[in-house]
Each structure stands twice: as C-alpha cells, then as structure tokens.
N, C-alpha and C. Protein backbone atom coordinates (compact mmCIF):
# COMPACT_ATOMS: atom_id res chain seq x y z
N MET A 1 -7.01 -9.20 -20.57
CA MET A 1 -6.76 -8.27 -19.21
C MET A 1 -6.02 -7.00 -19.69
N ASP A 2 -6.46 -6.06 -19.29
CA ASP A 2 -5.86 -4.80 -19.77
C ASP A 2 -4.24 -4.70 -19.33
N ASN A 3 -3.57 -3.74 -19.74
CA ASN A 3 -2.01 -3.54 -19.35
C ASN A 3 -1.86 -3.11 -17.72
N ARG A 4 -2.73 -2.33 -17.28
CA ARG A 4 -2.96 -1.75 -15.96
C ARG A 4 -2.95 -3.24 -14.95
N ARG A 5 -3.95 -3.82 -15.35
CA ARG A 5 -4.25 -5.01 -14.53
C ARG A 5 -2.99 -6.01 -14.51
N LYS A 6 -2.49 -6.24 -15.85
CA LYS A 6 -1.36 -6.94 -15.93
C LYS A 6 -0.17 -6.77 -15.03
N LYS A 7 0.03 -5.53 -14.82
CA LYS A 7 1.13 -4.59 -14.12
C LYS A 7 0.93 -4.85 -12.75
N ILE A 8 -0.40 -4.81 -12.39
CA ILE A 8 -0.69 -5.12 -11.07
C ILE A 8 -0.59 -6.32 -10.42
N LEU A 9 -0.97 -7.31 -11.28
CA LEU A 9 -1.07 -8.90 -11.29
C LEU A 9 0.55 -9.17 -10.93
N PHE A 10 1.38 -8.63 -11.73
CA PHE A 10 2.85 -8.84 -11.84
C PHE A 10 3.48 -8.37 -10.25
N ARG A 11 3.03 -7.11 -9.96
CA ARG A 11 3.76 -6.47 -8.86
C ARG A 11 3.11 -7.29 -7.63
N SER A 12 1.79 -8.02 -7.63
CA SER A 12 1.36 -8.75 -6.62
C SER A 12 2.28 -9.73 -6.20
N TRP A 13 2.83 -10.45 -7.49
CA TRP A 13 3.51 -11.71 -7.14
C TRP A 13 5.04 -11.52 -6.98
N HIS A 14 5.56 -10.25 -7.16
CA HIS A 14 6.51 -9.66 -6.84
C HIS A 14 7.02 -8.78 -5.74
N ARG A 15 6.70 -9.03 -4.50
CA ARG A 15 6.76 -8.04 -3.46
C ARG A 15 8.10 -7.96 -2.81
N GLY A 16 8.73 -9.18 -2.73
CA GLY A 16 10.12 -8.95 -2.03
C GLY A 16 10.02 -10.23 -0.77
N THR A 17 8.91 -10.43 -0.28
CA THR A 17 8.80 -11.50 0.69
C THR A 17 7.84 -12.49 0.11
N LYS A 18 8.35 -13.75 0.43
CA LYS A 18 7.44 -14.77 -0.01
C LYS A 18 5.97 -14.76 0.47
N GLU A 19 5.82 -14.44 1.76
CA GLU A 19 4.64 -14.38 2.36
C GLU A 19 3.65 -13.32 1.72
N MET A 20 4.21 -12.36 1.43
CA MET A 20 3.52 -11.20 0.77
C MET A 20 3.13 -11.61 -0.75
N ASP A 21 4.04 -12.27 -1.37
CA ASP A 21 3.99 -12.84 -2.73
C ASP A 21 2.79 -13.73 -2.71
N ILE A 22 2.51 -14.64 -1.97
CA ILE A 22 1.39 -15.47 -1.94
C ILE A 22 0.00 -14.99 -1.32
N ILE A 23 0.29 -14.05 -0.48
CA ILE A 23 -1.11 -13.26 -0.24
C ILE A 23 -1.66 -12.41 -1.19
N LEU A 24 -0.90 -11.51 -1.69
CA LEU A 24 -1.21 -10.47 -2.66
C LEU A 24 -1.24 -11.06 -4.20
N GLY A 25 -0.49 -12.22 -4.23
CA GLY A 25 -0.67 -12.74 -5.89
C GLY A 25 -1.79 -13.38 -5.59
N ASN A 26 -2.31 -14.26 -4.67
CA ASN A 26 -3.65 -14.96 -4.77
C ASN A 26 -4.67 -13.90 -4.85
N PHE A 27 -4.59 -12.78 -4.21
CA PHE A 27 -5.57 -11.87 -3.91
C PHE A 27 -5.95 -11.46 -5.46
N ALA A 28 -4.65 -11.01 -6.19
CA ALA A 28 -4.84 -10.61 -7.44
C ALA A 28 -5.29 -11.54 -8.40
N ASP A 29 -4.85 -12.78 -8.29
CA ASP A 29 -5.26 -13.63 -9.30
C ASP A 29 -6.87 -14.04 -9.15
N LYS A 30 -7.30 -13.87 -8.02
CA LYS A 30 -8.91 -14.19 -8.01
C LYS A 30 -9.50 -12.98 -8.31
N TYR A 31 -9.37 -11.90 -7.86
CA TYR A 31 -10.21 -10.65 -7.77
C TYR A 31 -9.75 -9.57 -8.74
N ILE A 32 -8.66 -9.52 -9.43
CA ILE A 32 -8.19 -8.37 -10.36
C ILE A 32 -9.10 -8.10 -11.54
N LYS A 33 -9.59 -9.24 -11.99
CA LYS A 33 -10.62 -8.64 -13.21
C LYS A 33 -12.03 -8.02 -12.72
N ASP A 34 -12.24 -8.07 -11.58
CA ASP A 34 -13.48 -7.42 -10.92
C ASP A 34 -13.48 -6.20 -10.27
N LEU A 35 -12.14 -5.86 -10.12
CA LEU A 35 -11.97 -4.23 -9.13
C LEU A 35 -12.22 -3.33 -10.13
N SER A 36 -13.33 -2.61 -9.67
CA SER A 36 -13.38 -1.34 -10.31
C SER A 36 -12.09 -0.34 -10.55
N GLY A 37 -12.22 0.77 -11.22
CA GLY A 37 -11.06 1.85 -11.30
C GLY A 37 -10.62 2.37 -10.29
N ALA A 38 -11.60 2.64 -9.12
CA ALA A 38 -11.44 3.11 -7.87
C ALA A 38 -10.59 1.82 -7.07
N GLN A 39 -11.18 0.81 -7.13
CA GLN A 39 -10.59 -0.25 -6.19
C GLN A 39 -9.08 -0.39 -6.80
N LEU A 40 -8.83 -0.32 -7.97
CA LEU A 40 -7.52 -0.53 -8.60
C LEU A 40 -6.58 0.54 -8.16
N ASP A 41 -7.09 1.90 -7.77
CA ASP A 41 -6.28 2.86 -7.60
C ASP A 41 -6.16 2.36 -5.91
N ALA A 42 -6.90 2.21 -5.07
CA ALA A 42 -6.60 1.79 -3.75
C ALA A 42 -5.69 0.69 -3.49
N TYR A 43 -5.68 -0.34 -4.75
CA TYR A 43 -5.05 -1.47 -4.54
C TYR A 43 -3.47 -1.13 -4.90
N GLU A 44 -3.30 -0.37 -5.93
CA GLU A 44 -1.94 0.28 -6.37
C GLU A 44 -1.34 1.07 -4.96
N ASN A 45 -2.25 1.79 -4.22
CA ASN A 45 -1.82 2.36 -3.06
C ASN A 45 -1.31 1.32 -1.84
N LEU A 46 -1.84 0.36 -1.75
CA LEU A 46 -1.49 -0.87 -0.99
C LEU A 46 -0.29 -1.40 -1.29
N LEU A 47 -0.18 -1.59 -2.72
CA LEU A 47 1.14 -2.32 -3.28
C LEU A 47 2.54 -1.27 -2.77
N GLU A 48 2.03 0.01 -2.64
CA GLU A 48 3.42 0.80 -2.17
C GLU A 48 3.74 0.65 -0.73
N VAL A 49 2.95 0.14 0.10
CA VAL A 49 3.16 0.01 1.53
C VAL A 49 4.29 -1.15 1.54
N PRO A 50 5.06 -1.03 2.58
CA PRO A 50 6.34 -1.92 3.10
C PRO A 50 5.22 -3.23 3.30
N ASP A 51 6.12 -4.46 2.80
CA ASP A 51 5.57 -5.80 3.16
C ASP A 51 5.23 -6.12 4.66
N LEU A 52 6.15 -5.66 5.48
CA LEU A 52 5.97 -5.96 6.82
C LEU A 52 4.69 -5.18 7.29
N ASP A 53 4.50 -3.93 7.12
CA ASP A 53 3.34 -3.31 7.37
C ASP A 53 2.07 -3.83 7.13
N VAL A 54 2.03 -4.44 5.83
CA VAL A 54 0.77 -4.95 5.24
C VAL A 54 0.69 -6.55 6.03
N TYR A 55 1.77 -7.17 6.01
CA TYR A 55 1.64 -8.55 6.91
C TYR A 55 1.10 -8.19 8.21
N ASN A 56 1.39 -7.39 8.83
CA ASN A 56 1.06 -7.15 10.23
C ASN A 56 -0.31 -6.77 10.51
N TRP A 57 -0.37 -6.08 9.35
CA TRP A 57 -2.14 -5.73 9.19
C TRP A 57 -2.97 -7.06 9.10
N ILE A 58 -2.78 -7.85 7.96
CA ILE A 58 -3.27 -8.93 7.79
C ILE A 58 -3.36 -9.81 8.89
N ILE A 59 -2.31 -10.36 9.62
CA ILE A 59 -2.43 -11.19 10.64
C ILE A 59 -2.87 -10.61 12.16
N GLY A 60 -3.14 -9.43 11.87
CA GLY A 60 -3.78 -8.80 13.07
C GLY A 60 -3.17 -8.04 14.41
N LYS A 61 -1.79 -8.07 13.98
CA LYS A 61 -0.60 -7.78 14.98
C LYS A 61 -0.81 -6.23 15.15
N GLU A 62 -1.24 -5.51 13.94
CA GLU A 62 -1.50 -3.96 14.10
C GLU A 62 -2.71 -3.78 13.17
N ASP A 63 -3.02 -2.49 13.65
CA ASP A 63 -4.07 -1.91 12.87
C ASP A 63 -3.72 -1.27 11.61
N ALA A 64 -4.49 -1.24 10.52
CA ALA A 64 -4.17 -0.35 9.28
C ALA A 64 -4.66 1.14 9.83
N PRO A 65 -4.04 2.18 9.05
CA PRO A 65 -4.34 3.48 9.17
C PRO A 65 -5.82 3.58 8.94
N ALA A 66 -6.66 4.26 9.84
CA ALA A 66 -8.14 4.33 9.74
C ALA A 66 -8.62 5.02 8.41
N ASN A 67 -7.84 6.06 7.81
CA ASN A 67 -8.04 6.64 6.54
C ASN A 67 -7.45 6.29 5.49
N ALA A 68 -6.62 5.20 5.62
CA ALA A 68 -6.37 4.63 4.40
C ALA A 68 -7.09 4.15 3.04
N PRO A 69 -6.64 4.57 1.98
CA PRO A 69 -7.61 4.40 0.96
C PRO A 69 -8.14 2.93 0.47
N TYR A 70 -7.08 2.12 1.06
CA TYR A 70 -6.94 0.54 0.69
C TYR A 70 -7.67 -0.19 1.86
N ARG A 71 -8.25 0.32 2.76
CA ARG A 71 -8.54 -0.38 4.02
C ARG A 71 -9.73 -1.36 3.54
N ASP A 72 -10.66 -1.15 2.67
CA ASP A 72 -11.83 -1.93 2.25
C ASP A 72 -11.12 -3.25 1.48
N LEU A 73 -10.21 -3.03 0.61
CA LEU A 73 -9.55 -4.15 -0.03
C LEU A 73 -8.79 -5.06 0.87
N LEU A 74 -8.03 -4.21 2.14
CA LEU A 74 -7.48 -5.20 3.05
C LEU A 74 -8.31 -5.86 3.53
N GLN A 75 -9.37 -5.60 4.10
CA GLN A 75 -10.45 -6.13 4.93
C GLN A 75 -10.90 -7.60 4.08
N GLN A 76 -11.03 -7.34 2.67
CA GLN A 76 -11.40 -8.09 1.85
C GLN A 76 -10.35 -9.39 1.69
N ILE A 77 -9.08 -8.84 1.72
CA ILE A 77 -7.94 -9.99 1.72
C ILE A 77 -7.97 -10.85 3.19
N ILE A 78 -8.21 -10.07 3.97
CA ILE A 78 -8.60 -10.69 5.33
C ILE A 78 -9.72 -11.67 5.45
N ASP A 79 -10.79 -11.17 5.05
CA ASP A 79 -12.09 -11.84 5.14
C ASP A 79 -11.99 -13.05 4.34
N ASN A 80 -11.56 -13.29 2.99
CA ASN A 80 -11.51 -13.98 2.16
C ASN A 80 -10.51 -15.07 2.49
N LYS A 81 -9.28 -14.75 3.37
CA LYS A 81 -8.35 -15.68 3.33
C LYS A 81 -7.87 -16.17 2.15
N VAL A 82 -7.59 -15.46 1.15
CA VAL A 82 -6.86 -15.96 -0.08
C VAL A 82 -5.74 -16.58 -0.08
N TYR A 83 -4.99 -16.28 1.06
CA TYR A 83 -3.57 -16.77 1.48
C TYR A 83 -3.63 -18.22 2.10
N GLU A 84 -4.66 -18.80 2.17
CA GLU A 84 -4.68 -20.06 2.63
C GLU A 84 -4.68 -21.10 1.57
C-alpha cells in the first residue's frame, strides 16, 4: 500500500469519536485499495468534515451538501453498511 493510502487509513481509524473511527475505519479497511486518485481526493475531503456532521449524514438525520465532492463515497458508506 502506498504512503498516501496508509495515511488515509490511519486518519480513518483516528477520527476523535469511536463511532466515526468504526465507520470510516471499516470503510477504509475494505475499500482503500480500490479507490481511484479522484476518489481518494474526495475521501480526504470527507475526512476534513467534523465527525458530528458526517455521522448525521450517515444516520440520515441531515443531508450532505448537494455539491460535496465526497457525496458518492458517502453514499457508498451508507449503502454498504460497513459499520455493522
């Protein structure tokens, strides 16, 4: 695994809240090797968003911004329920 993916994997497991560590850590474990460069860019953008916002989008409490570059990846996280 290249250094960029390793850093993203680490950041996914060290978010700040246990819930987001599990959700994004499991997603990264499962999919990080298959993400394209553009998808990695989008995922890095998602990692910059506060935990509470991402969590609320995942549980459906709020909608993610329509123009967010990570919207497709967020939907993949929701659809694949990598957190269960």
